[in-house]
Full PDB file with SEQRES, HELIX, SHEET, SSBOND, CRYST1, ORIGX, SCALE, CONECT and MASTER records, all heavy atoms in Angstrom:
SEQRES   1 A   40  ALA ALA ALA ALA LEU GLY VAL PHE ALA PRO ASN TRP LEU          
SEQRES   2 A   40  ALA GLU TYR TYR TYR THR ASP ARG LYS SER ALA PRO GLY          
SEQRES   3 A   40  MET VAL ALA GLN LEU VAL GLY SER GLY GLU VAL GLU PRO          
SEQRES   4 A   40  VAL                                                          
HELIX    1 AA1 ALA A    2  LEU A    5  1                                   4    
HELIX    2 AA2 PRO A   10  TYR A   16  1                                   7    
HELIX    3 AA3 ARG A   21  SER A   23  5                                   3    
HELIX    4 AA4 ALA A   24  GLY A   33  1                                  10    
CRYST1    1.000    1.000    1.000  90.00  90.00  90.00 P 1           1          
ORIGX1      1.000000  0.000000  0.000000        0.00000                         
ORIGX2      0.000000  1.000000  0.000000        0.00000                         
ORIGX3      0.000000  0.000000  1.000000        0.00000                         
SCALE1      1.000000  0.000000  0.000000        0.00000                         
SCALE2      0.000000  1.000000  0.000000        0.00000                         
SCALE3      0.000000  0.000000  1.000000        0.00000                         
ATOM      1  N   ALA A   1       8.920   4.037  14.075  1.00  0.00           N  
ATOM      2  CA  ALA A   1       8.054   4.396  12.961  1.00  0.00           C  
ATOM      3  C   ALA A   1       7.079   5.486  13.382  1.00  0.00           C  
ATOM      4  O   ALA A   1       6.829   6.442  12.667  1.00  0.00           O  
ATOM      5  CB  ALA A   1       7.316   3.220  12.374  1.00  0.00           C  
ATOM      6  N   ALA A   2       6.474   5.327  14.572  1.00  0.00           N  
ATOM      7  CA  ALA A   2       5.524   6.318  15.068  1.00  0.00           C  
ATOM      8  C   ALA A   2       6.192   7.696  15.199  1.00  0.00           C  
ATOM      9  O   ALA A   2       5.609   8.738  14.824  1.00  0.00           O  
ATOM     10  CB  ALA A   2       4.921   5.884  16.400  1.00  0.00           C  
ATOM     11  N   ALA A   3       7.393   7.710  15.734  1.00  0.00           N  
ATOM     12  CA  ALA A   3       8.120   8.996  15.926  1.00  0.00           C  
ATOM     13  C   ALA A   3       8.489   9.563  14.561  1.00  0.00           C  
ATOM     14  O   ALA A   3       8.478  10.777  14.383  1.00  0.00           O  
ATOM     15  CB  ALA A   3       9.395   8.755  16.760  1.00  0.00           C  
ATOM     16  N   ALA A   4       8.829   8.698  13.600  1.00  0.00           N  
ATOM     17  CA  ALA A   4       9.250   9.190  12.273  1.00  0.00           C  
ATOM     18  C   ALA A   4       8.060   9.708  11.455  1.00  0.00           C  
ATOM     19  O   ALA A   4       8.251  10.568  10.577  1.00  0.00           O  
ATOM     20  CB  ALA A   4       9.891   8.029  11.494  1.00  0.00           C  
ATOM     21  N   LEU A   5       6.871   9.231  11.738  1.00  0.00           N  
ATOM     22  CA  LEU A   5       5.689   9.675  10.975  1.00  0.00           C  
ATOM     23  C   LEU A   5       4.941  10.814  11.679  1.00  0.00           C  
ATOM     24  O   LEU A   5       4.308  11.620  11.033  1.00  0.00           O  
ATOM     25  CB  LEU A   5       4.694   8.474  10.777  1.00  0.00           C  
ATOM     26  CG  LEU A   5       5.261   7.379   9.873  1.00  0.00           C  
ATOM     27  CD1 LEU A   5       4.321   6.147   9.886  1.00  0.00           C  
ATOM     28  CD2 LEU A   5       5.447   7.901   8.449  1.00  0.00           C  
ATOM     29  N   GLY A   6       4.966  10.843  13.025  1.00  0.00           N  
ATOM     30  CA  GLY A   6       4.297  11.901  13.728  1.00  0.00           C  
ATOM     31  C   GLY A   6       2.802  11.641  13.893  1.00  0.00           C  
ATOM     32  O   GLY A   6       2.261  11.668  14.998  1.00  0.00           O  
ATOM     33  N   VAL A   7       2.156  11.412  12.804  1.00  0.00           N  
ATOM     34  CA  VAL A   7       0.699  11.075  12.784  1.00  0.00           C  
ATOM     35  C   VAL A   7       0.538   9.954  11.747  1.00  0.00           C  
ATOM     36  O   VAL A   7       1.170   9.968  10.676  1.00  0.00           O  
ATOM     37  CB  VAL A   7      -0.174  12.292  12.502  1.00  0.00           C  
ATOM     38  CG1 VAL A   7       0.120  12.875  11.113  1.00  0.00           C  
ATOM     39  CG2 VAL A   7      -1.655  11.984  12.626  1.00  0.00           C  
ATOM     40  N   PHE A   8      -0.322   8.954  12.080  1.00  0.00           N  
ATOM     41  CA  PHE A   8      -0.325   7.759  11.273  1.00  0.00           C  
ATOM     42  C   PHE A   8      -1.571   6.894  11.498  1.00  0.00           C  
ATOM     43  O   PHE A   8      -2.295   7.046  12.461  1.00  0.00           O  
ATOM     44  CB  PHE A   8       0.911   6.893  11.620  1.00  0.00           C  
ATOM     45  CG  PHE A   8       0.995   6.545  13.096  1.00  0.00           C  
ATOM     46  CD1 PHE A   8       0.384   5.409  13.577  1.00  0.00           C  
ATOM     47  CD2 PHE A   8       1.621   7.330  14.009  1.00  0.00           C  
ATOM     48  CE1 PHE A   8       0.397   5.056  14.935  1.00  0.00           C  
ATOM     49  CE2 PHE A   8       1.685   7.070  15.342  1.00  0.00           C  
ATOM     50  CZ  PHE A   8       1.038   5.896  15.807  1.00  0.00           C  
ATOM     51  N   ALA A   9      -1.788   6.018  10.522  1.00  0.00           N  
ATOM     52  CA  ALA A   9      -2.741   4.915  10.655  1.00  0.00           C  
ATOM     53  C   ALA A   9      -1.961   3.663  11.037  1.00  0.00           C  
ATOM     54  O   ALA A   9      -0.764   3.546  10.687  1.00  0.00           O  
ATOM     55  CB  ALA A   9      -3.483   4.710   9.341  1.00  0.00           C  
ATOM     56  N   PRO A  10      -2.569   2.674  11.723  1.00  0.00           N  
ATOM     57  CA  PRO A  10      -1.821   1.545  12.189  1.00  0.00           C  
ATOM     58  C   PRO A  10      -1.013   0.805  11.136  1.00  0.00           C  
ATOM     59  O   PRO A  10       0.139   0.430  11.350  1.00  0.00           O  
ATOM     60  CB  PRO A  10      -2.907   0.663  12.847  1.00  0.00           C  
ATOM     61  CG  PRO A  10      -3.925   1.610  13.303  1.00  0.00           C  
ATOM     62  CD  PRO A  10      -3.944   2.709  12.269  1.00  0.00           C  
ATOM     63  N   ASN A  11      -1.627   0.568   9.980  1.00  0.00           N  
ATOM     64  CA  ASN A  11      -0.936  -0.171   8.898  1.00  0.00           C  
ATOM     65  C   ASN A  11       0.386   0.523   8.488  1.00  0.00           C  
ATOM     66  O   ASN A  11       1.289  -0.122   8.014  1.00  0.00           O  
ATOM     67  CB  ASN A  11      -1.846  -0.412   7.723  1.00  0.00           C  
ATOM     68  CG  ASN A  11      -2.763  -1.596   7.942  1.00  0.00           C  
ATOM     69  OD1 ASN A  11      -2.663  -2.316   8.901  1.00  0.00           O  
ATOM     70  ND2 ASN A  11      -3.679  -1.783   7.013  1.00  0.00           N  
ATOM     71  N   TRP A  12       0.385   1.865   8.624  1.00  0.00           N  
ATOM     72  CA  TRP A  12       1.584   2.579   8.170  1.00  0.00           C  
ATOM     73  C   TRP A  12       2.763   2.279   9.064  1.00  0.00           C  
ATOM     74  O   TRP A  12       3.913   2.320   8.610  1.00  0.00           O  
ATOM     75  CB  TRP A  12       1.313   4.040   8.111  1.00  0.00           C  
ATOM     76  CG  TRP A  12       0.168   4.441   7.211  1.00  0.00           C  
ATOM     77  CD1 TRP A  12      -0.450   3.673   6.295  1.00  0.00           C  
ATOM     78  CD2 TRP A  12      -0.479   5.721   7.169  1.00  0.00           C  
ATOM     79  NE1 TRP A  12      -1.475   4.340   5.687  1.00  0.00           N  
ATOM     80  CE2 TRP A  12      -1.516   5.603   6.224  1.00  0.00           C  
ATOM     81  CE3 TRP A  12      -0.324   6.920   7.867  1.00  0.00           C  
ATOM     82  CZ2 TRP A  12      -2.366   6.691   5.904  1.00  0.00           C  
ATOM     83  CZ3 TRP A  12      -1.141   7.975   7.565  1.00  0.00           C  
ATOM     84  CH2 TRP A  12      -2.186   7.863   6.609  1.00  0.00           C  
ATOM     85  N   LEU A  13       2.532   2.006  10.350  1.00  0.00           N  
ATOM     86  CA  LEU A  13       3.618   1.576  11.227  1.00  0.00           C  
ATOM     87  C   LEU A  13       4.230   0.300  10.755  1.00  0.00           C  
ATOM     88  O   LEU A  13       5.455   0.168  10.711  1.00  0.00           O  
ATOM     89  CB  LEU A  13       3.075   1.417  12.649  1.00  0.00           C  
ATOM     90  CG  LEU A  13       2.728   2.615  13.504  1.00  0.00           C  
ATOM     91  CD1 LEU A  13       2.593   2.172  14.958  1.00  0.00           C  
ATOM     92  CD2 LEU A  13       3.737   3.707  13.357  1.00  0.00           C  
ATOM     93  N   ALA A  14       3.373  -0.697  10.405  1.00  0.00           N  
ATOM     94  CA  ALA A  14       3.896  -1.928   9.939  1.00  0.00           C  
ATOM     95  C   ALA A  14       4.641  -1.772   8.600  1.00  0.00           C  
ATOM     96  O   ALA A  14       5.702  -2.388   8.366  1.00  0.00           O  
ATOM     97  CB  ALA A  14       2.759  -2.933   9.782  1.00  0.00           C  
ATOM     98  N   GLU A  15       4.130  -0.947   7.733  1.00  0.00           N  
ATOM     99  CA  GLU A  15       4.720  -0.743   6.432  1.00  0.00           C  
ATOM    100  C   GLU A  15       6.095  -0.084   6.500  1.00  0.00           C  
ATOM    101  O   GLU A  15       6.995  -0.321   5.684  1.00  0.00           O  
ATOM    102  CB  GLU A  15       3.788   0.055   5.497  1.00  0.00           C  
ATOM    103  CG  GLU A  15       4.199   0.169   4.064  1.00  0.00           C  
ATOM    104  CD  GLU A  15       4.115  -1.138   3.316  1.00  0.00           C  
ATOM    105  OE1 GLU A  15       3.335  -2.043   3.740  1.00  0.00           O  
ATOM    106  OE2 GLU A  15       4.812  -1.313   2.297  1.00  0.00           O  
ATOM    107  N   TYR A  16       6.274   0.798   7.498  1.00  0.00           N  
ATOM    108  CA  TYR A  16       7.502   1.564   7.566  1.00  0.00           C  
ATOM    109  C   TYR A  16       8.727   0.708   7.624  1.00  0.00           C  
ATOM    110  O   TYR A  16       9.707   0.973   6.948  1.00  0.00           O  
ATOM    111  CB  TYR A  16       7.430   2.514   8.782  1.00  0.00           C  
ATOM    112  CG  TYR A  16       8.351   3.694   8.673  1.00  0.00           C  
ATOM    113  CD1 TYR A  16       7.985   4.823   7.958  1.00  0.00           C  
ATOM    114  CD2 TYR A  16       9.617   3.685   9.251  1.00  0.00           C  
ATOM    115  CE1 TYR A  16       8.852   5.892   7.813  1.00  0.00           C  
ATOM    116  CE2 TYR A  16      10.461   4.761   9.183  1.00  0.00           C  
ATOM    117  CZ  TYR A  16      10.097   5.875   8.438  1.00  0.00           C  
ATOM    118  OH  TYR A  16      10.960   6.962   8.308  1.00  0.00           O  
ATOM    119  N   TYR A  17       8.732  -0.304   8.450  1.00  0.00           N  
ATOM    120  CA  TYR A  17       9.866  -1.247   8.522  1.00  0.00           C  
ATOM    121  C   TYR A  17       9.465  -2.638   8.027  1.00  0.00           C  
ATOM    122  O   TYR A  17      10.153  -3.608   8.247  1.00  0.00           O  
ATOM    123  CB  TYR A  17      10.426  -1.318   9.942  1.00  0.00           C  
ATOM    124  CG  TYR A  17      11.178  -0.103  10.371  1.00  0.00           C  
ATOM    125  CD1 TYR A  17      10.663   0.770  11.334  1.00  0.00           C  
ATOM    126  CD2 TYR A  17      12.416   0.231   9.785  1.00  0.00           C  
ATOM    127  CE1 TYR A  17      11.370   1.901  11.718  1.00  0.00           C  
ATOM    128  CE2 TYR A  17      13.122   1.340  10.163  1.00  0.00           C  
ATOM    129  CZ  TYR A  17      12.611   2.203  11.134  1.00  0.00           C  
ATOM    130  OH  TYR A  17      13.290   3.320  11.492  1.00  0.00           O  
ATOM    131  N   TYR A  18       8.340  -2.718   7.355  1.00  0.00           N  
ATOM    132  CA  TYR A  18       7.858  -3.938   6.719  1.00  0.00           C  
ATOM    133  C   TYR A  18       7.712  -5.083   7.767  1.00  0.00           C  
ATOM    134  O   TYR A  18       8.253  -6.174   7.588  1.00  0.00           O  
ATOM    135  CB  TYR A  18       8.744  -4.349   5.586  1.00  0.00           C  
ATOM    136  CG  TYR A  18       8.004  -5.110   4.489  1.00  0.00           C  
ATOM    137  CD1 TYR A  18       6.984  -4.509   3.753  1.00  0.00           C  
ATOM    138  CD2 TYR A  18       8.272  -6.463   4.203  1.00  0.00           C  
ATOM    139  CE1 TYR A  18       6.267  -5.163   2.800  1.00  0.00           C  
ATOM    140  CE2 TYR A  18       7.544  -7.152   3.227  1.00  0.00           C  
ATOM    141  CZ  TYR A  18       6.562  -6.490   2.529  1.00  0.00           C  
ATOM    142  OH  TYR A  18       5.851  -7.171   1.569  1.00  0.00           O  
ATOM    143  N   THR A  19       7.020  -4.747   8.851  1.00  0.00           N  
ATOM    144  CA  THR A  19       6.710  -5.747   9.853  1.00  0.00           C  
ATOM    145  C   THR A  19       5.325  -6.327   9.603  1.00  0.00           C  
ATOM    146  O   THR A  19       4.609  -5.905   8.681  1.00  0.00           O  
ATOM    147  CB  THR A  19       6.829  -5.154  11.261  1.00  0.00           C  
ATOM    148  OG1 THR A  19       6.002  -4.020  11.349  1.00  0.00           O  
ATOM    149  CG2 THR A  19       8.246  -4.746  11.606  1.00  0.00           C  
ATOM    150  N   ASP A  20       4.954  -7.288  10.445  1.00  0.00           N  
ATOM    151  CA  ASP A  20       3.661  -7.992  10.253  1.00  0.00           C  
ATOM    152  C   ASP A  20       2.516  -7.040  10.495  1.00  0.00           C  
ATOM    153  O   ASP A  20       2.354  -6.505  11.592  1.00  0.00           O  
ATOM    154  CB  ASP A  20       3.633  -9.167  11.255  1.00  0.00           C  
ATOM    155  CG  ASP A  20       2.334  -9.961  11.144  1.00  0.00           C  
ATOM    156  OD1 ASP A  20       1.604  -9.830  10.156  1.00  0.00           O  
ATOM    157  OD2 ASP A  20       2.053 -10.731  12.054  1.00  0.00           O  
ATOM    158  N   ARG A  21       1.655  -6.894   9.481  1.00  0.00           N  
ATOM    159  CA  ARG A  21       0.522  -5.955   9.628  1.00  0.00           C  
ATOM    160  C   ARG A  21      -0.451  -6.417  10.664  1.00  0.00           C  
ATOM    161  O   ARG A  21      -1.094  -5.597  11.313  1.00  0.00           O  
ATOM    162  CB  ARG A  21      -0.211  -5.851   8.255  1.00  0.00           C  
ATOM    163  CG  ARG A  21       0.477  -4.922   7.283  1.00  0.00           C  
ATOM    164  CD  ARG A  21      -0.463  -4.603   6.155  1.00  0.00           C  
ATOM    165  NE  ARG A  21       0.096  -3.538   5.290  1.00  0.00           N  
ATOM    166  CZ  ARG A  21      -0.615  -2.796   4.451  1.00  0.00           C  
ATOM    167  NH1 ARG A  21      -1.906  -2.993   4.333  1.00  0.00           N  
ATOM    168  NH2 ARG A  21      -0.031  -1.878   3.692  1.00  0.00           N  
ATOM    169  N   LYS A  22      -0.543  -7.744  10.875  1.00  0.00           N  
ATOM    170  CA  LYS A  22      -1.472  -8.254  11.848  1.00  0.00           C  
ATOM    171  C   LYS A  22      -1.124  -7.764  13.263  1.00  0.00           C  
ATOM    172  O   LYS A  22      -1.945  -7.730  14.148  1.00  0.00           O  
ATOM    173  CB  LYS A  22      -1.531  -9.767  11.800  1.00  0.00           C  
ATOM    174  CG  LYS A  22      -2.131 -10.338  10.515  1.00  0.00           C  
ATOM    175  CD  LYS A  22      -2.095 -11.851  10.529  1.00  0.00           C  
ATOM    176  CE  LYS A  22      -2.639 -12.411   9.219  1.00  0.00           C  
ATOM    177  NZ  LYS A  22      -2.596 -13.864   9.159  1.00  0.00           N  
ATOM    178  N   SER A  23       0.166  -7.477  13.484  1.00  0.00           N  
ATOM    179  CA  SER A  23       0.603  -7.072  14.803  1.00  0.00           C  
ATOM    180  C   SER A  23       0.433  -5.592  15.053  1.00  0.00           C  
ATOM    181  O   SER A  23       0.573  -5.125  16.217  1.00  0.00           O  
ATOM    182  CB  SER A  23       2.085  -7.449  14.998  1.00  0.00           C  
ATOM    183  OG  SER A  23       2.932  -6.616  14.198  1.00  0.00           O  
ATOM    184  N   ALA A  24       0.100  -4.820  14.004  1.00  0.00           N  
ATOM    185  CA  ALA A  24       0.054  -3.360  14.143  1.00  0.00           C  
ATOM    186  C   ALA A  24      -0.959  -2.888  15.175  1.00  0.00           C  
ATOM    187  O   ALA A  24      -0.609  -2.038  16.016  1.00  0.00           O  
ATOM    188  CB  ALA A  24      -0.233  -2.723  12.784  1.00  0.00           C  
ATOM    189  N   PRO A  25      -2.197  -3.400  15.221  1.00  0.00           N  
ATOM    190  CA  PRO A  25      -3.138  -2.869  16.244  1.00  0.00           C  
ATOM    191  C   PRO A  25      -2.617  -3.117  17.665  1.00  0.00           C  
ATOM    192  O   PRO A  25      -2.757  -2.242  18.554  1.00  0.00           O  
ATOM    193  CB  PRO A  25      -4.415  -3.656  15.976  1.00  0.00           C  
ATOM    194  CG  PRO A  25      -4.349  -3.999  14.524  1.00  0.00           C  
ATOM    195  CD  PRO A  25      -2.849  -4.280  14.274  1.00  0.00           C  
ATOM    196  N   GLY A  26      -1.976  -4.248  17.897  1.00  0.00           N  
ATOM    197  CA  GLY A  26      -1.448  -4.530  19.196  1.00  0.00           C  
ATOM    198  C   GLY A  26      -0.293  -3.608  19.566  1.00  0.00           C  
ATOM    199  O   GLY A  26      -0.178  -3.201  20.713  1.00  0.00           O  
ATOM    200  N   MET A  27       0.559  -3.315  18.578  1.00  0.00           N  
ATOM    201  CA  MET A  27       1.654  -2.393  18.849  1.00  0.00           C  
ATOM    202  C   MET A  27       1.117  -0.999  19.133  1.00  0.00           C  
ATOM    203  O   MET A  27       1.616  -0.321  20.058  1.00  0.00           O  
ATOM    204  CB  MET A  27       2.589  -2.303  17.615  1.00  0.00           C  
ATOM    205  CG  MET A  27       3.287  -3.606  17.278  1.00  0.00           C  
ATOM    206  SD  MET A  27       4.360  -4.265  18.576  1.00  0.00           S  
ATOM    207  CE  MET A  27       3.290  -5.576  19.250  1.00  0.00           C  
ATOM    208  N   VAL A  28       0.113  -0.568  18.401  1.00  0.00           N  
ATOM    209  CA  VAL A  28      -0.472   0.749  18.654  1.00  0.00           C  
ATOM    210  C   VAL A  28      -1.082   0.795  20.069  1.00  0.00           C  
ATOM    211  O   VAL A  28      -0.925   1.744  20.799  1.00  0.00           O  
ATOM    212  CB  VAL A  28      -1.521   1.110  17.593  1.00  0.00           C  
ATOM    213  CG1 VAL A  28      -2.322   2.354  17.975  1.00  0.00           C  
ATOM    214  CG2 VAL A  28      -0.861   1.298  16.230  1.00  0.00           C  
ATOM    215  N   ALA A  29      -1.789  -0.284  20.419  1.00  0.00           N  
ATOM    216  CA  ALA A  29      -2.405  -0.311  21.749  1.00  0.00           C  
ATOM    217  C   ALA A  29      -1.369  -0.199  22.865  1.00  0.00           C  
ATOM    218  O   ALA A  29      -1.582   0.467  23.864  1.00  0.00           O  
ATOM    219  CB  ALA A  29      -3.224  -1.643  21.921  1.00  0.00           C  
ATOM    220  N   GLN A  30      -0.207  -0.878  22.685  1.00  0.00           N  
ATOM    221  CA  GLN A  30       0.841  -0.733  23.668  1.00  0.00           C  
ATOM    222  C   GLN A  30       1.404   0.673  23.771  1.00  0.00           C  
ATOM    223  O   GLN A  30       1.683   1.173  24.862  1.00  0.00           O  
ATOM    224  CB  GLN A  30       1.975  -1.734  23.382  1.00  0.00           C  
ATOM    225  CG  GLN A  30       1.584  -3.199  23.622  1.00  0.00           C  
ATOM    226  CD  GLN A  30       2.807  -4.107  23.505  1.00  0.00           C  
ATOM    227  OE1 GLN A  30       3.758  -3.977  24.264  1.00  0.00           O  
ATOM    228  NE2 GLN A  30       2.728  -5.061  22.603  1.00  0.00           N  
ATOM    229  N   LEU A  31       1.559   1.303  22.618  1.00  0.00           N  
ATOM    230  CA  LEU A  31       2.077   2.675  22.598  1.00  0.00           C  
ATOM    231  C   LEU A  31       1.052   3.657  23.184  1.00  0.00           C  
ATOM    232  O   LEU A  31       1.458   4.618  23.822  1.00  0.00           O  
ATOM    233  CB  LEU A  31       2.436   3.069  21.176  1.00  0.00           C  
ATOM    234  CG  LEU A  31       3.641   2.335  20.536  1.00  0.00           C  
ATOM    235  CD1 LEU A  31       3.794   2.653  19.072  1.00  0.00           C  
ATOM    236  CD2 LEU A  31       4.909   2.608  21.290  1.00  0.00           C  
ATOM    237  N   VAL A  32      -0.212   3.419  22.980  1.00  0.00           N  
ATOM    238  CA  VAL A  32      -1.253   4.210  23.584  1.00  0.00           C  
ATOM    239  C   VAL A  32      -1.207   4.032  25.110  1.00  0.00           C  
ATOM    240  O   VAL A  32      -1.263   4.959  25.903  1.00  0.00           O  
ATOM    241  CB  VAL A  32      -2.629   3.907  23.027  1.00  0.00           C  
ATOM    242  CG1 VAL A  32      -3.722   4.574  23.869  1.00  0.00           C  
ATOM    243  CG2 VAL A  32      -2.776   4.342  21.562  1.00  0.00           C  
ATOM    244  N   GLY A  33      -1.089   2.744  25.521  1.00  0.00           N  
ATOM    245  CA  GLY A  33      -1.055   2.451  26.935  1.00  0.00           C  
ATOM    246  C   GLY A  33       0.117   3.066  27.665  1.00  0.00           C  
ATOM    247  O   GLY A  33       0.008   3.439  28.844  1.00  0.00           O  
ATOM    248  N   SER A  34       1.290   3.209  26.950  1.00  0.00           N  
ATOM    249  CA  SER A  34       2.441   3.808  27.585  1.00  0.00           C  
ATOM    250  C   SER A  34       2.417   5.347  27.530  1.00  0.00           C  
ATOM    251  O   SER A  34       3.289   5.999  28.035  1.00  0.00           O  
ATOM    252  CB  SER A  34       3.718   3.294  26.895  1.00  0.00           C  
ATOM    253  OG  SER A  34       3.754   3.752  25.538  1.00  0.00           O  
ATOM    254  N   GLY A  35       1.414   5.907  26.843  1.00  0.00           N  
ATOM    255  CA  GLY A  35       1.331   7.343  26.768  1.00  0.00           C  
ATOM    256  C   GLY A  35       2.102   7.964  25.644  1.00  0.00           C  
ATOM    257  O   GLY A  35       2.184   9.183  25.510  1.00  0.00           O  
ATOM    258  N   GLU A  36       2.787   7.122  24.824  1.00  0.00           N  
ATOM    259  CA  GLU A  36       3.614   7.630  23.755  1.00  0.00           C  
ATOM    260  C   GLU A  36       2.795   8.029  22.508  1.00  0.00           C  
ATOM    261  O   GLU A  36       3.275   8.842  21.665  1.00  0.00           O  
ATOM    262  CB  GLU A  36       4.668   6.603  23.350  1.00  0.00           C  
ATOM    263  CG  GLU A  36       5.638   6.228  24.421  1.00  0.00           C  
ATOM    264  CD  GLU A  36       6.462   4.995  24.129  1.00  0.00           C  
ATOM    265  OE1 GLU A  36       5.899   3.890  24.400  1.00  0.00           O  
ATOM    266  OE2 GLU A  36       7.547   5.105  23.657  1.00  0.00           O  
ATOM    267  N   VAL A  37       1.604   7.515  22.420  1.00  0.00           N  
ATOM    268  CA  VAL A  37       0.765   7.719  21.230  1.00  0.00           C  
ATOM    269  C   VAL A  37      -0.675   8.004  21.774  1.00  0.00           C  
ATOM    270  O   VAL A  37      -1.032   7.442  22.812  1.00  0.00           O  
ATOM    271  CB  VAL A  37       0.759   6.466  20.342  1.00  0.00           C  
ATOM    272  CG1 VAL A  37      -0.472   6.416  19.420  1.00  0.00           C  
ATOM    273  CG2 VAL A  37       2.063   6.467  19.492  1.00  0.00           C  
ATOM    274  N   GLU A  38      -1.420   8.841  21.053  1.00  0.00           N  
ATOM    275  CA  GLU A  38      -2.773   9.081  21.446  1.00  0.00           C  
ATOM    276  C   GLU A  38      -3.657   9.069  20.208  1.00  0.00           C  
ATOM    277  O   GLU A  38      -3.196   9.455  19.129  1.00  0.00           O  
ATOM    278  CB  GLU A  38      -2.923  10.424  22.184  1.00  0.00           C  
ATOM    279  CG  GLU A  38      -2.543  11.653  21.358  1.00  0.00           C  
ATOM    280  CD  GLU A  38      -2.580  12.926  22.171  1.00  0.00           C  
ATOM    281  OE1 GLU A  38      -1.848  13.020  23.189  1.00  0.00           O  
ATOM    282  OE2 GLU A  38      -3.338  13.850  21.782  1.00  0.00           O  
ATOM    283  N   PRO A  39      -4.897   8.607  20.344  1.00  0.00           N  
ATOM    284  CA  PRO A  39      -5.822   8.590  19.210  1.00  0.00           C  
ATOM    285  C   PRO A  39      -6.278  10.008  18.899  1.00  0.00           C  
ATOM    286  O   PRO A  39      -6.476  10.828  19.770  1.00  0.00           O  
ATOM    287  CB  PRO A  39      -6.982   7.724  19.675  1.00  0.00           C  
ATOM    288  CG  PRO A  39      -6.933   7.794  21.152  1.00  0.00           C  
ATOM    289  CD  PRO A  39      -5.520   7.965  21.534  1.00  0.00           C  
ATOM    290  N   VAL A  40      -6.411  10.345  17.619  1.00  0.00           N  
ATOM    291  CA  VAL A  40      -6.878  11.618  17.187  1.00  0.00           C  
ATOM    292  C   VAL A  40      -7.822  11.424  15.997  1.00  0.00           C  
ATOM    293  O   VAL A  40      -7.848  10.334  15.358  1.00  0.00           O  
ATOM    294  CB  VAL A  40      -5.723  12.555  16.728  1.00  0.00           C  
ATOM    295  CG1 VAL A  40      -4.839  12.926  17.939  1.00  0.00           C  
ATOM    296  CG2 VAL A  40      -4.892  11.911  15.630  1.00  0.00           C  
TER     297      VAL A  40                                                      
MASTER        0    0    0    4    0    0    0    6  296    1    0    4          
END                                                                             
């Protein structure tokens, strides 16, 4: 979802494939930690 959106808010990641919104901040944190995503 992050790659498909390019730039996004956390809830939009969850909405893209209709996953649990509560998990979105944790998923974003992991992607930031891996260097795949950066805050802007």
